[in-house]
């Protein structure tokens, strides 16, 4: 009950109440968390996408992904090892180099299909 009194006082003064840090900006999906995590997917380093806060133009914008890649296996393969399809790519082989697990890649594909 200790924290309730200051919150009531703030509300009485008409000051906005902030949500606890643990509930702020929670990713909508596990794949979004992995994609935005700088130590994991780090997709925002190269791609612009909805929900991202850093515009980039190294790689293509990640939008309308389900229409662009109706075969889920193709998008998975790109994330796993784009060098197989395009030897000139600068995209890291996230699966081949064990940066991401197969589950994490599937979570990212699930997330990308919402864009």
Protein backbone atom coordinates (compact mmCIF):
# COMPACT_ATOMS: atom_id res chain seq x y z
CA UNK A 1 0.00 0.00 0.00
CA UNK A 2 3.05 2.20 0.33
CA UNK A 3 3.11 3.19 -3.36
CA UNK A 4 -0.63 3.87 -3.50
CA UNK A 5 -0.53 7.12 -1.53
CA UNK A 6 1.86 8.95 -3.91
CA UNK A 7 -0.19 7.76 -6.88
CA UNK A 8 -3.39 9.08 -5.28
CA UNK A 9 -1.65 12.38 -4.55
CA UNK A 10 -0.47 12.65 -8.16
CA UNK A 11 -3.95 11.90 -9.44
CA UNK A 12 -5.43 14.52 -7.09
CA UNK A 13 -3.03 17.09 -8.53
CA UNK A 14 -4.12 16.17 -12.04
CA UNK A 15 -0.71 14.78 -12.95
CA UNK A 16 -0.56 11.85 -15.36
CA UNK A 17 0.10 8.44 -13.93
CA UNK A 18 2.72 6.34 -15.63
CA UNK A 19 2.40 2.60 -15.97
CA UNK A 20 5.02 0.59 -14.09
CA UNK A 21 8.17 0.03 -16.14
CA UNK A 22 7.44 -3.70 -16.41
CA UNK A 23 4.27 -3.05 -18.41
CA UNK A 24 5.60 -0.29 -20.67
CA UNK A 25 6.34 -0.96 -24.33
CA UNK A 26 5.97 -4.70 -23.99
CA UNK A 27 6.44 -6.33 -27.39
CA UNK A 28 3.22 -7.60 -28.90
CA UNK A 29 4.86 -10.89 -29.81
CA UNK A 30 7.99 -12.81 -28.81
CA UNK A 31 9.29 -12.43 -32.38
CA UNK A 32 9.16 -8.65 -32.10
CA UNK A 33 11.30 -8.77 -28.97
CA UNK A 34 13.87 -10.97 -30.73
CA UNK A 35 13.81 -8.88 -33.92
CA UNK A 36 14.34 -5.63 -32.00
CA UNK A 37 16.92 -7.04 -29.55
CA UNK A 38 20.36 -5.68 -30.43
CA UNK A 39 22.05 -8.79 -29.09
CA UNK A 40 19.85 -11.15 -31.12
CA UNK A 41 18.05 -10.37 -34.37
CA UNK A 42 18.87 -6.66 -34.46
CA UNK A 43 16.68 -6.31 -37.57
CA UNK A 44 16.36 -2.56 -37.02
CA UNK A 45 20.06 -2.10 -37.72
CA UNK A 46 19.35 -2.72 -41.41
CA UNK A 47 15.58 -2.67 -41.93
CA UNK A 48 12.84 -0.13 -41.39
CA UNK A 49 9.65 -1.67 -40.04
CA UNK A 50 6.47 -0.77 -38.21
CA UNK A 51 7.12 -0.41 -34.50
CA UNK A 52 10.80 0.30 -34.99
CA UNK A 53 12.29 3.58 -33.87
CA UNK A 54 15.36 3.61 -36.11
CA UNK A 55 14.87 4.10 -39.85
CA UNK A 56 17.44 2.24 -41.92
CA UNK A 57 17.98 1.64 -45.60
CA UNK A 58 20.69 -1.05 -45.64
CA UNK A 59 18.10 -3.74 -46.37
CA UNK A 60 14.57 -3.52 -47.76
CA UNK A 61 11.71 -2.23 -45.64
CA UNK A 62 9.96 -5.08 -43.85
CA UNK A 63 6.32 -4.49 -44.73
CA UNK A 64 3.56 -6.56 -46.30
CA UNK A 65 5.67 -9.62 -45.60
CA UNK A 66 2.95 -12.26 -45.89
CA UNK A 67 2.10 -11.07 -49.41
CA UNK A 68 5.77 -10.81 -50.40
CA UNK A 69 6.64 -14.23 -48.97
CA UNK A 70 3.51 -16.40 -49.03
CA UNK A 71 5.71 -19.46 -48.55
CA UNK A 72 6.73 -19.27 -44.91
CA UNK A 73 9.68 -21.62 -45.58
CA UNK A 74 11.22 -19.08 -47.96
CA UNK A 75 11.20 -16.30 -45.37
CA UNK A 76 12.56 -18.71 -42.74
CA UNK A 77 15.37 -19.70 -45.13
CA UNK A 78 16.28 -16.04 -45.74
CA UNK A 79 16.67 -15.41 -42.03
CA UNK A 80 18.45 -18.73 -41.47
CA UNK A 81 21.06 -18.20 -44.20
CA UNK A 82 20.44 -15.59 -46.92
CA UNK A 83 23.91 -16.32 -48.35
CA UNK A 84 22.54 -19.53 -49.89
CA UNK A 85 20.10 -17.50 -51.99
CA UNK A 86 22.25 -14.41 -52.42
CA UNK A 87 26.02 -14.90 -51.94
CA UNK A 88 26.55 -11.10 -52.12
CA UNK A 89 24.27 -10.33 -49.15
CA UNK A 90 25.44 -8.48 -46.05
CA UNK A 91 22.70 -10.12 -43.98
CA UNK A 92 24.16 -12.36 -41.29
CA UNK A 93 23.31 -16.07 -41.50
CA UNK A 94 21.38 -16.02 -38.22
CA UNK A 95 20.58 -19.73 -38.14
CA UNK A 96 23.72 -21.11 -39.70
CA UNK A 97 25.95 -19.14 -37.32
CA UNK A 98 23.76 -20.03 -34.32
CA UNK A 99 22.89 -16.40 -33.61
CA UNK A 100 19.22 -17.38 -33.45
CA UNK A 101 17.60 -20.70 -32.63
CA UNK A 102 15.06 -22.27 -35.01
CA UNK A 103 12.34 -21.28 -32.52
CA UNK A 104 13.50 -17.65 -32.51
CA UNK A 105 13.53 -17.58 -36.31
CA UNK A 106 9.98 -18.97 -36.36
CA UNK A 107 8.92 -16.31 -33.85
CA UNK A 108 10.42 -13.60 -36.05
CA UNK A 109 8.59 -14.99 -39.10
CA UNK A 110 5.34 -14.97 -37.08
CA UNK A 111 6.00 -11.33 -36.19
CA UNK A 112 6.98 -10.33 -39.74
CA UNK A 113 3.73 -11.84 -41.02
CA UNK A 114 1.87 -9.24 -38.93
CA UNK A 115 3.62 -6.37 -40.77
